[in-house]
Amino acid sequence: MDNRTLTERYAKVVKYMDAAPIILWYRNDLRLSDLPSLAAAAATGKPVIPFYILDTHTAHARSLGGASLWWLHHSLQGLAASWQCLGTNLVLRQGDPLLLLPEIAQQSGADIIYCSRCFEPWAGKLEEDLHKALGEQGVAFKRYGGTLLHDPGRVTTKAGQPFKVYTPFWRSLSQQEIRECVAAPSNVKAAKISLDSDALDSWQLLPTEPDWAVGLRESWKVGEVAAAERLNEFISAENFAYAEERDRPDLPATSRLSPHLRFGQISPAMCWHAAALEAGRRPGVESDLEVFRKELVWRDFSYHLLPHWPELPRSAFRENFNAFPWQKSADVVTAWQKGQTGYPIVDAGMRELWHTGWMHNRVRMIVASFLTKHLLQPWQDGEAWFWDCLVDADLAPNAASWQWVAGSGADAAPYFRIFNPITQGQKFDPDGTYVRRWVPEIASLPDRYLNAPWTCPELGLRSMGVVLGENYPEPIVDHSTARQRALQSYAAIKVST
């Protein structure tokens, strides 16, 4: 073989290598901005194929709830539009990533796949299997951070062990440098290959009969642009008082960024640095923005627990709590789900959840305490309902938060804390604005009776059109009796602190 032939063959190989695209596998990171995997792919100068898989086959993977599927549909719709602006189509496939990723690599001639790391219990095994399967095919598999402030294992005790208590975790993480954000690439080379893609509508992620998502559509703007706008509106509010007002469900004081973080339309690093910049610009809000950043760190803390306690969404973190004497009752759980407990702040929260796919954080604690402690129903029942109804259903924070309230989780001290739904309503919804919005059948009651309608004289109730047991339920349990029963139940198990 002469030198000319060798040169021609080498040129063909180089040309093919230059043209070989990179597959960008989207997971819980549906954005262009501050996406390390995309930034790395774009920096190579190679064509990029954005690819999303609706995973229906990974063993032990938890299917998304109805509200999350609604959010996912609109997220993918927005992401696809963003990629079209860059001259590339988002490829959609439904099935098993272990089969689909090698398949699309072969179809496209890609020799490398980039993705963000995921930390659900089943994700690690899937990534190991993919690394092996793709390697046998000659395809590299690279994972990047970006879904958390720090990946699990990066924030540990001095002994190298995972933190089990939030406050020292916060102190440790806050002393570490948070990676700088990277801008969305302005120019990504499009792959010159046509790949089959599912039509998003064919996945039927949206409810139809019945269409229960009217409230979700009224309540949310979905997508990367909406997430950035919401962050800016939140931190730049003129009367920013997050630390003082975040427990008030009657006020628009919280960020409402949780679903955007859950689906990766904004990164926690973007939120962290935006808060730091705003604190530097407005020294008067430093303490408020620190409280906000602590909420971001709770999400990290939950995900740092998960690799070490993969059963966290199903089993008690404190194993002795698996013997807790729950009084299981489907009827009781149903009344709670429907917002028909007779306790207005609880019912308001459950109705807000059903209508909007979201619930104020303070009210989440109240309704969770009520289910597990007043009604003695397993926290797993509440976690499952939240998983189905929340647009921000995030595996680790959802499970860790439910266990914290139930007393079985990490840092759940005092584990026997029982929220009084009457005084909680009076304290955090002092004018009754929140309750009157979501429980309109008792809106005419004076403030003094609003959180405990049964204390209002019957004649007064009837004069205001309220008939307990008919158009609003009698309380499902007596608070004092339920509290005593809960304390006795907690005493029945030997609790280690």
Protein backbone atom coordinates (compact mmCIF):
# COMPACT_ATOMS: atom_id res chain seq x y z
CA MET A 1 0.00 0.00 0.00
CA ASP A 2 1.56 3.31 -1.11
CA ASN A 3 1.71 6.46 1.00
CA ARG A 4 -1.08 8.11 -1.03
CA THR A 5 -3.49 5.27 -0.19
CA LEU A 6 -2.60 5.43 3.49
CA THR A 7 -3.12 9.18 3.51
CA GLU A 8 -6.54 8.89 1.87
CA ARG A 9 -7.63 6.18 4.32
CA TYR A 10 -6.40 8.21 7.29
CA ALA A 11 -8.28 11.27 6.00
CA LYS A 12 -11.48 9.24 5.81
CA VAL A 13 -11.01 7.99 9.37
CA VAL A 14 -10.37 11.52 10.65
CA LYS A 15 -13.41 12.79 8.75
CA TYR A 16 -15.58 10.07 10.30
CA MET A 17 -14.19 10.78 13.77
CA ASP A 18 -14.91 14.48 13.38
CA ALA A 19 -18.44 13.72 12.27
CA ALA A 20 -19.20 11.18 14.99
CA PRO A 21 -21.83 12.85 17.15
CA ILE A 22 -22.17 12.96 20.91
CA ILE A 23 -25.41 11.75 22.43
CA LEU A 24 -26.59 13.98 25.26
CA TRP A 25 -28.87 11.80 27.37
CA TYR A 26 -31.32 13.95 29.29
CA ARG A 27 -32.59 12.69 32.65
CA ASN A 28 -33.57 15.00 35.55
CA ASP A 29 -31.89 18.00 33.91
CA LEU A 30 -34.24 19.41 31.29
CA ARG A 31 -32.42 22.64 30.43
CA LEU A 32 -29.66 24.22 28.36
CA SER A 33 -28.20 26.67 30.90
CA ASP A 34 -25.68 25.50 33.49
CA LEU A 35 -25.74 21.92 32.27
CA PRO A 36 -22.17 20.61 32.64
CA SER A 37 -22.76 17.63 30.35
CA LEU A 38 -24.02 19.88 27.54
CA ALA A 39 -21.22 22.39 28.05
CA ALA A 40 -18.66 19.59 27.80
CA ALA A 41 -20.31 18.16 24.70
CA ALA A 42 -20.52 21.55 22.97
CA ALA A 43 -16.88 22.29 23.79
CA THR A 44 -15.72 19.30 21.70
CA GLY A 45 -17.09 20.90 18.54
CA LYS A 46 -18.80 17.64 17.64
CA PRO A 47 -22.44 17.40 16.63
CA VAL A 48 -24.77 16.82 19.58
CA ILE A 49 -27.90 14.67 19.60
CA PRO A 50 -30.19 15.53 22.54
CA PHE A 51 -32.01 12.42 23.64
CA TYR A 52 -34.69 11.75 26.26
CA ILE A 53 -35.93 8.31 27.30
CA LEU A 54 -39.21 7.74 29.08
CA ASP A 55 -37.88 4.89 31.17
CA THR A 56 -40.47 2.14 31.51
CA HIS A 57 -38.17 -0.84 32.11
CA THR A 58 -35.40 -0.16 34.65
CA ALA A 59 -35.78 -2.59 37.53
CA HIS A 60 -37.16 -1.03 40.72
CA ALA A 61 -37.47 2.41 39.11
CA ARG A 62 -40.45 4.31 40.47
CA SER A 63 -42.98 5.48 37.91
CA LEU A 64 -43.80 9.17 37.97
CA GLY A 65 -47.05 10.27 39.53
CA GLY A 66 -49.83 11.91 37.54
CA ALA A 67 -48.90 15.52 38.38
CA SER A 68 -45.24 14.88 37.57
CA LEU A 69 -46.18 13.38 34.20
CA TRP A 70 -48.14 16.54 33.43
CA TRP A 71 -45.09 18.64 34.31
CA LEU A 72 -42.80 16.36 32.31
CA HIS A 73 -44.92 16.75 29.18
CA HIS A 74 -44.69 20.53 29.26
CA SER A 75 -41.00 20.40 30.20
CA LEU A 76 -40.16 18.25 27.18
CA GLN A 77 -42.29 20.45 24.97
CA GLY A 78 -40.28 23.50 26.05
CA LEU A 79 -36.94 21.71 25.83
CA ALA A 80 -37.72 20.53 22.31
CA ALA A 81 -38.52 24.11 21.28
CA SER A 82 -35.20 25.31 22.73
CA TRP A 83 -33.27 22.72 20.74
CA GLN A 84 -35.13 23.58 17.57
CA CYS A 85 -33.88 27.15 18.00
CA LEU A 86 -30.38 25.65 17.91
CA GLY A 87 -31.20 23.75 14.73
CA THR A 88 -31.53 20.31 16.31
CA ASN A 89 -34.44 18.06 17.19
CA LEU A 90 -34.86 16.51 20.64
CA VAL A 91 -35.14 12.76 20.10
CA LEU A 92 -37.75 11.00 22.23
CA ARG A 93 -37.96 7.27 22.84
CA GLN A 94 -39.87 5.17 25.35
CA GLY A 95 -38.48 1.96 26.79
CA ASP A 96 -35.34 0.54 28.39
CA PRO A 97 -32.26 2.81 28.46
CA LEU A 98 -30.05 -0.27 28.53
CA LEU A 99 -31.36 -1.16 25.06
CA LEU A 100 -32.13 2.25 23.62
CA LEU A 101 -28.82 3.98 24.29
CA PRO A 102 -26.68 1.33 22.55
CA GLU A 103 -29.24 1.28 19.76
CA ILE A 104 -29.17 5.02 19.09
CA ALA A 105 -25.39 5.05 19.36
CA GLN A 106 -25.23 2.43 16.63
CA GLN A 107 -27.82 4.19 14.47
CA SER A 108 -26.09 7.57 14.72
CA GLY A 109 -22.48 6.46 14.68
CA ALA A 110 -21.93 8.15 18.06
CA ASP A 111 -18.86 7.04 19.94
CA ILE A 112 -19.65 8.73 23.25
CA ILE A 113 -22.66 9.43 25.46
CA TYR A 114 -22.76 12.25 28.00
CA CYS A 115 -25.30 12.54 30.81
CA SER A 116 -25.88 13.95 34.28
CA ARG A 117 -25.56 11.68 37.27
CA CYS A 118 -28.70 10.54 39.02
CA PHE A 119 -28.85 9.26 42.57
CA GLU A 120 -32.05 7.26 42.89
CA PRO A 121 -31.38 3.77 44.29
CA TRP A 122 -31.76 2.14 40.87
CA ALA A 123 -29.71 4.72 38.95
CA GLY A 124 -26.27 3.51 40.00
CA LYS A 125 -26.87 -0.05 38.81
CA LEU A 126 -28.26 1.23 35.52
CA GLU A 127 -25.21 3.43 34.97
CA GLU A 128 -22.86 0.51 35.73
CA ASP A 129 -24.71 -1.72 33.27
CA LEU A 130 -24.65 1.01 30.62
CA HIS A 131 -20.93 1.58 31.06
CA LYS A 132 -20.33 -2.12 30.45
CA ALA A 133 -22.77 -2.52 27.54
CA LEU A 134 -21.62 0.61 25.75
CA GLY A 135 -17.96 -0.21 26.36
CA GLU A 136 -18.40 -3.54 24.61
CA GLN A 137 -19.77 -1.55 21.67
CA GLY A 138 -16.82 0.84 21.70
CA VAL A 139 -18.90 3.74 23.00
CA ALA A 140 -17.62 5.82 25.91
CA PHE A 141 -20.01 6.80 28.71
CA LYS A 142 -19.33 9.98 30.69
CA ARG A 143 -21.35 11.33 33.62
CA TYR A 144 -21.38 14.85 35.01
CA GLY A 145 -22.71 16.60 38.10
CA GLY A 146 -25.22 19.40 38.14
CA THR A 147 -28.40 18.09 39.72
CA LEU A 148 -27.17 18.84 43.28
CA LEU A 149 -24.89 21.41 44.87
CA HIS A 150 -22.46 18.58 45.61
CA ASP A 151 -22.74 14.95 44.61
CA PRO A 152 -23.17 12.38 47.41
CA GLY A 153 -19.86 11.48 49.00
CA ARG A 154 -18.47 15.00 48.64
CA VAL A 155 -19.80 16.24 51.99
CA THR A 156 -18.92 13.89 54.84
CA THR A 157 -17.99 13.90 58.51
CA LYS A 158 -14.33 14.09 59.49
CA ALA A 159 -14.42 10.30 59.71
CA GLY A 160 -15.61 10.12 56.11
CA GLN A 161 -19.11 9.00 57.08
CA PRO A 162 -22.41 10.43 55.85
CA PHE A 163 -24.04 13.07 57.99
CA LYS A 164 -27.23 11.96 59.75
CA VAL A 165 -28.06 15.41 61.11
CA TYR A 166 -28.86 18.35 58.88
CA THR A 167 -27.25 21.27 60.76
CA PRO A 168 -23.65 19.99 60.66
CA PHE A 169 -24.23 18.96 57.04
CA TRP A 170 -25.26 22.53 56.27
CA ARG A 171 -22.21 23.93 58.06
CA SER A 172 -19.88 21.63 56.16
CA LEU A 173 -21.43 22.18 52.74
CA SER A 174 -21.68 25.96 53.16
CA GLN A 175 -17.93 26.11 53.76
CA GLN A 176 -17.20 24.34 50.49
CA GLU A 177 -16.98 26.07 47.15
CA ILE A 178 -20.01 25.67 44.92
CA ARG A 179 -19.04 25.18 41.28
CA GLU A 180 -19.42 28.15 38.98
CA CYS A 181 -22.35 28.11 36.58
CA VAL A 182 -21.84 27.69 32.85
CA ALA A 183 -23.87 29.52 30.24
CA ALA A 184 -26.02 27.77 27.68
CA PRO A 185 -24.00 27.22 24.51
CA SER A 186 -24.98 29.71 21.83
CA ASN A 187 -23.99 27.43 19.00
CA VAL A 188 -24.22 23.65 19.05
CA LYS A 189 -23.36 21.73 15.91
CA ALA A 190 -26.35 19.76 14.66
CA ALA A 191 -25.91 16.11 13.77
CA LYS A 192 -26.59 15.51 10.07
CA ILE A 193 -28.59 12.38 10.62
CA SER A 194 -32.31 11.76 10.90
CA LEU A 195 -33.35 9.57 13.80
CA ASP A 196 -36.76 8.18 14.56
CA SER A 197 -38.44 9.93 17.47
CA ASP A 198 -41.68 9.30 19.30
CA ALA A 199 -44.31 12.02 19.14
CA LEU A 200 -44.62 13.51 22.61
CA ASP A 201 -48.41 13.32 22.50
CA SER A 202 -48.21 9.57 21.84
CA TRP A 203 -46.89 9.11 25.37
CA GLN A 204 -50.23 10.35 26.74
CA LEU A 205 -48.68 12.05 29.74
CA LEU A 206 -51.56 14.52 30.06
CA PRO A 207 -54.86 13.59 31.74
CA THR A 208 -57.88 13.54 29.45
CA GLU A 209 -60.89 11.73 30.92
CA PRO A 210 -61.23 13.36 33.30
CA ASP A 211 -58.99 16.35 32.72
CA TRP A 212 -58.02 17.06 36.32
CA ALA A 213 -55.14 19.38 35.37
CA VAL A 214 -57.14 22.61 35.04
CA GLY A 215 -55.74 23.89 38.34
CA LEU A 216 -52.20 22.97 37.32
CA ARG A 217 -52.50 24.95 34.12
CA GLU A 218 -53.83 27.93 36.08
CA SER A 219 -51.04 27.72 38.65
CA TRP A 220 -47.84 27.12 36.72
CA LYS A 221 -45.60 28.22 33.90
CA VAL A 222 -43.35 25.33 33.01
CA GLY A 223 -39.88 25.38 31.49
CA GLU A 224 -36.38 26.79 31.70
CA VAL A 225 -37.37 30.38 30.93
CA ALA A 226 -40.18 30.27 33.49
CA ALA A 227 -37.77 28.92 36.11
CA ALA A 228 -35.27 31.73 35.54
CA GLU A 229 -38.03 34.32 35.66
CA ARG A 230 -39.39 32.87 38.88
CA LEU A 231 -35.95 32.90 40.55
CA ASN A 232 -35.44 36.54 39.58
CA GLU A 233 -38.90 37.58 40.78
CA PHE A 234 -38.37 35.79 44.08
CA ILE A 235 -34.96 37.09 45.13
CA SER A 236 -35.42 40.60 43.78
CA ALA A 237 -38.80 41.25 45.41
CA GLU A 238 -38.82 44.72 46.92
CA ASN A 239 -40.21 43.61 50.28
CA PHE A 240 -38.20 40.41 50.54
CA ALA A 241 -38.73 38.85 53.96
CA TYR A 242 -38.31 35.13 53.40
CA ALA A 243 -37.09 34.23 56.89
CA GLU A 244 -40.07 35.91 58.52
CA GLU A 245 -42.81 35.10 56.03
CA ARG A 246 -41.92 31.69 54.56
CA ASP A 247 -44.20 29.92 57.09
CA ARG A 248 -47.23 31.98 56.02
CA PRO A 249 -49.36 30.09 53.46
CA ASP A 250 -51.54 33.17 53.07
CA LEU A 251 -48.61 35.15 51.62
CA PRO A 252 -46.70 34.67 48.33
CA ALA A 253 -43.41 34.48 50.22
CA THR A 254 -41.88 31.19 49.06
CA SER A 255 -39.83 30.60 45.93
CA ARG A 256 -42.06 27.95 44.29
CA LEU A 257 -38.92 26.74 42.54
CA SER A 258 -39.18 23.16 43.76
CA PRO A 259 -40.73 21.63 40.60
CA HIS A 260 -38.22 23.46 38.42
CA LEU A 261 -35.40 22.04 40.54
CA ARG A 262 -36.96 18.58 40.51
CA PHE A 263 -37.00 18.46 36.71
CA GLY A 264 -33.77 20.37 36.31
CA GLN A 265 -35.13 23.43 34.54
CA ILE A 266 -32.87 25.36 36.86
CA SER A 267 -29.85 24.10 38.75
CA PRO A 268 -29.33 24.45 42.50
CA ALA A 269 -25.99 26.11 41.74
CA MET A 270 -27.80 28.82 39.75
CA CYS A 271 -30.11 29.44 42.70
CA TRP A 272 -27.20 29.44 45.16
CA HIS A 273 -25.10 31.96 43.24
CA ALA A 274 -28.07 34.18 42.39
CA ALA A 275 -28.89 34.38 46.09
CA ALA A 276 -25.27 35.19 46.94
CA LEU A 277 -25.15 37.96 44.34
CA GLU A 278 -28.41 39.45 45.56
CA ALA A 279 -27.19 39.34 49.17
CA GLY A 280 -24.11 41.31 48.09
CA ARG A 281 -26.26 43.82 46.27
CA ARG A 282 -28.77 44.22 49.12
CA PRO A 283 -27.10 43.63 52.51
CA GLY A 284 -30.44 43.92 54.28
CA VAL A 285 -31.66 40.61 52.89
CA GLU A 286 -28.58 38.50 53.65
CA SER A 287 -30.21 36.54 56.46
CA ASP A 288 -33.32 35.86 54.39
CA LEU A 289 -31.30 34.56 51.48
CA GLU A 290 -29.26 32.35 53.79
CA VAL A 291 -32.48 30.72 54.96
CA PHE A 292 -33.39 30.15 51.30
CA ARG A 293 -30.01 28.54 50.66
CA LYS A 294 -30.55 26.29 53.67
CA GLU A 295 -33.67 24.99 51.92
CA LEU A 296 -31.55 24.15 48.88
CA VAL A 297 -29.16 22.29 51.15
CA TRP A 298 -32.02 20.23 52.68
CA ARG A 299 -32.58 18.80 49.21
CA ASP A 300 -28.88 17.92 48.97
CA PHE A 301 -28.96 16.42 52.47
CA SER A 302 -31.84 14.15 51.49
CA TYR A 303 -30.01 12.92 48.41
CA HIS A 304 -26.79 12.41 50.37
CA LEU A 305 -28.73 10.03 52.64
CA LEU A 306 -30.16 7.98 49.80
CA PRO A 307 -27.06 6.02 48.65
CA HIS A 308 -26.48 4.85 52.21
CA TRP A 309 -30.14 4.18 53.01
CA PRO A 310 -31.68 3.21 49.64
CA GLU A 311 -34.84 1.97 51.37
CA LEU A 312 -35.56 5.49 52.65
CA PRO A 313 -38.70 5.90 50.49
CA ARG A 314 -40.18 2.66 51.84
CA SER A 315 -38.76 1.80 55.25
CA ALA A 316 -38.10 3.77 58.41
CA PHE A 317 -34.65 5.36 58.66
CA ARG A 318 -34.74 4.40 62.35
CA GLU A 319 -35.42 0.69 62.11
CA ASN A 320 -37.31 0.47 65.41
CA PHE A 321 -40.03 2.62 63.84
CA ASN A 322 -40.90 -0.25 61.53
CA ALA A 323 -42.69 -1.71 64.56
CA PHE A 324 -44.79 1.41 65.15
CA PRO A 325 -48.44 0.47 65.94
CA TRP A 326 -50.14 2.16 63.01
CA GLN A 327 -53.94 2.02 62.98
CA LYS A 328 -54.41 1.44 59.25
CA SER A 329 -57.72 2.61 57.81
CA ALA A 330 -58.43 3.21 54.12
CA ASP A 331 -61.45 5.36 55.00
CA VAL A 332 -59.38 7.62 57.24
CA VAL A 333 -56.69 8.04 54.58
CA THR A 334 -59.34 8.85 51.97
CA ALA A 335 -60.88 11.55 54.16
CA TRP A 336 -57.42 13.08 54.58
CA GLN A 337 -56.70 12.89 50.84
CA LYS A 338 -59.98 14.62 49.98
CA GLY A 339 -59.57 17.41 52.54
CA GLN A 340 -62.51 16.21 54.60
CA THR A 341 -60.99 15.86 58.08
CA GLY A 342 -62.94 18.69 59.73
CA TYR A 343 -59.69 20.52 60.55
CA PRO A 344 -59.66 23.55 58.21
CA ILE A 345 -55.91 24.11 57.87
CA VAL A 346 -55.44 20.42 57.05
CA ASP A 347 -58.31 20.38 54.57
CA ALA A 348 -57.09 23.60 52.94
CA GLY A 349 -53.67 22.08 52.35
CA MET A 350 -55.02 18.87 50.86
CA ARG A 351 -57.31 20.79 48.52
CA GLU A 352 -54.50 23.12 47.46
CA LEU A 353 -52.45 20.02 46.65
CA TRP A 354 -55.17 18.49 44.51
CA HIS A 355 -55.92 21.69 42.63
CA THR A 356 -52.41 23.05 42.04
CA GLY A 357 -50.08 20.05 42.38
CA TRP A 358 -48.25 21.87 45.15
CA MET A 359 -48.62 22.68 48.82
CA HIS A 360 -47.03 25.33 51.03
CA ASN A 361 -44.16 23.84 53.05
CA ARG A 362 -45.52 24.77 56.49
CA VAL A 363 -48.84 23.19 55.56
CA ARG A 364 -47.03 20.07 54.30
CA MET A 365 -45.67 19.62 57.81
CA ILE A 366 -49.09 20.18 59.37
CA VAL A 367 -50.93 17.70 57.13
CA ALA A 368 -48.15 15.12 57.46
CA SER A 369 -48.16 15.38 61.23
CA PHE A 370 -51.95 15.10 61.24
CA LEU A 371 -51.94 11.93 59.14
CA THR A 372 -49.19 10.16 61.04
CA LYS A 373 -49.86 11.38 64.57
CA HIS A 374 -53.50 12.39 64.88
CA LEU A 375 -54.75 9.62 62.60
CA LEU A 376 -51.92 7.11 63.18
CA GLN A 377 -51.71 6.23 59.49
CA PRO A 378 -48.38 5.05 58.01
CA TRP A 379 -46.19 7.80 56.64
CA GLN A 380 -45.76 5.67 53.51
CA ASP A 381 -49.43 6.32 52.64
CA GLY A 382 -48.87 10.05 52.78
CA GLU A 383 -45.60 9.86 50.88
CA ALA A 384 -47.31 7.87 48.11
CA TRP A 385 -50.15 10.40 47.84
CA PHE A 386 -47.70 13.29 47.65
CA TRP A 387 -45.71 11.37 45.03
CA ASP A 388 -48.78 11.11 42.83
CA CYS A 389 -50.14 14.63 43.39
CA LEU A 390 -47.07 16.87 43.60
CA VAL A 391 -45.52 18.50 40.55
CA ASP A 392 -42.32 18.67 42.63
CA ALA A 393 -42.38 15.02 43.75
CA ASP A 394 -38.66 14.49 44.34
CA LEU A 395 -37.75 11.04 45.61
CA ALA A 396 -35.26 11.79 48.39
CA PRO A 397 -36.73 15.06 49.79
CA ASN A 398 -40.25 13.65 49.69
CA ALA A 399 -39.27 10.54 51.65
CA ALA A 400 -36.87 12.31 54.02
CA SER A 401 -39.42 15.02 54.82
CA TRP A 402 -42.22 12.56 55.51
CA GLN A 403 -39.96 10.53 57.78
CA TRP A 404 -38.80 13.69 59.55
CA VAL A 405 -42.38 14.61 60.40
CA ALA A 406 -43.34 11.06 61.33
CA GLY A 407 -40.38 10.90 63.72
CA SER A 408 -38.70 7.96 62.00
CA GLY A 409 -36.23 9.91 59.89
CA ALA A 410 -32.83 11.51 60.11
CA ASP A 411 -32.60 14.46 62.49
CA ALA A 412 -36.22 13.95 63.60
CA ALA A 413 -35.78 15.31 67.10
CA PRO A 414 -37.95 15.55 69.03
CA TYR A 415 -39.52 12.62 67.20
CA PHE A 416 -42.74 12.95 69.21
CA ARG A 417 -43.45 16.55 68.08
CA ILE A 418 -47.17 16.80 67.30
CA PHE A 419 -48.41 19.86 65.44
CA ASN A 420 -51.66 21.25 66.80
CA PRO A 421 -53.69 21.95 63.64
CA ILE A 422 -55.83 24.53 65.42
CA THR A 423 -53.05 26.72 66.77
CA GLN A 424 -50.93 26.20 63.64
CA GLY A 425 -53.78 27.63 61.56
CA GLN A 426 -54.24 30.55 63.92
CA LYS A 427 -50.52 31.34 64.00
CA PHE A 428 -49.59 30.99 60.34
CA ASP A 429 -52.88 32.01 58.69
CA PRO A 430 -53.85 34.73 61.17
CA ASP A 431 -56.48 36.38 58.99
CA GLY A 432 -57.85 33.12 57.66
CA THR A 433 -57.04 34.07 54.06
CA TYR A 434 -55.58 30.68 53.16
CA VAL A 435 -58.33 28.61 54.79
CA ARG A 436 -61.12 30.75 53.33
CA ARG A 437 -59.66 30.33 49.84
CA TRP A 438 -59.52 26.55 49.95
CA VAL A 439 -62.39 25.77 52.32
CA PRO A 440 -65.06 28.21 51.09
CA GLU A 441 -67.91 26.38 52.83
CA ILE A 442 -66.79 27.86 56.16
CA ALA A 443 -65.52 31.19 54.81
CA SER A 444 -68.27 33.11 56.57
CA LEU A 445 -67.15 32.03 60.05
CA PRO A 446 -65.49 34.64 62.27
CA ASP A 447 -61.74 34.28 62.74
CA ARG A 448 -62.15 33.01 66.31
CA TYR A 449 -64.02 29.92 65.06
CA LEU A 450 -62.41 29.45 61.67
CA ASN A 451 -59.82 26.85 62.71
CA ALA A 452 -62.19 25.01 65.05
CA PRO A 453 -65.72 25.33 63.61
CA TRP A 454 -67.16 22.85 66.13
CA THR A 455 -66.56 25.37 68.90
CA CYS A 456 -68.97 27.81 67.32
CA PRO A 457 -72.52 27.67 68.77
CA GLU A 458 -74.81 25.67 66.49
CA LEU A 459 -77.21 28.58 66.05
CA GLY A 460 -74.31 30.73 64.91
CA LEU A 461 -73.13 28.06 62.48
CA ARG A 462 -76.56 27.70 60.93
CA SER A 463 -76.96 31.46 60.62
CA MET A 464 -73.84 31.45 58.48
CA GLY A 465 -74.92 28.47 56.40
CA VAL A 466 -72.60 25.93 58.02
CA VAL A 467 -74.04 22.58 59.08
CA LEU A 468 -71.33 20.30 60.45
CA GLY A 469 -71.71 16.79 59.16
CA GLU A 470 -73.56 18.03 56.08
CA ASN A 471 -71.71 20.75 54.16
CA TYR A 472 -68.52 20.50 56.24
CA PRO A 473 -67.42 17.46 58.23
CA GLU A 474 -67.29 17.07 61.97
CA PRO A 475 -63.67 16.71 63.16
CA ILE A 476 -62.48 13.23 62.30
CA VAL A 477 -60.73 12.96 65.70
CA ASP A 478 -60.59 15.00 68.88
CA HIS A 479 -57.26 16.78 69.04
CA SER A 480 -56.53 16.15 72.73
CA THR A 481 -57.54 12.51 72.54
CA ALA A 482 -55.55 11.95 69.35
CA ARG A 483 -52.48 13.62 70.80
CA GLN A 484 -52.55 11.41 73.88
CA ARG A 485 -53.05 8.30 71.75
CA ALA A 486 -50.08 9.27 69.59
CA LEU A 487 -47.81 9.80 72.59
CA GLN A 488 -48.82 6.39 73.94
CA SER A 489 -48.04 4.83 70.57
CA TYR A 490 -44.61 6.43 70.50
CA ALA A 491 -43.99 5.19 74.02
CA ALA A 492 -44.78 1.67 72.82
CA ILE A 493 -41.62 1.50 70.77
CA LYS A 494 -38.13 1.89 72.07
CA VAL A 495 -36.80 5.00 70.35
CA SER A 496 -33.10 5.55 69.85
CA THR A 497 -32.06 9.17 69.41
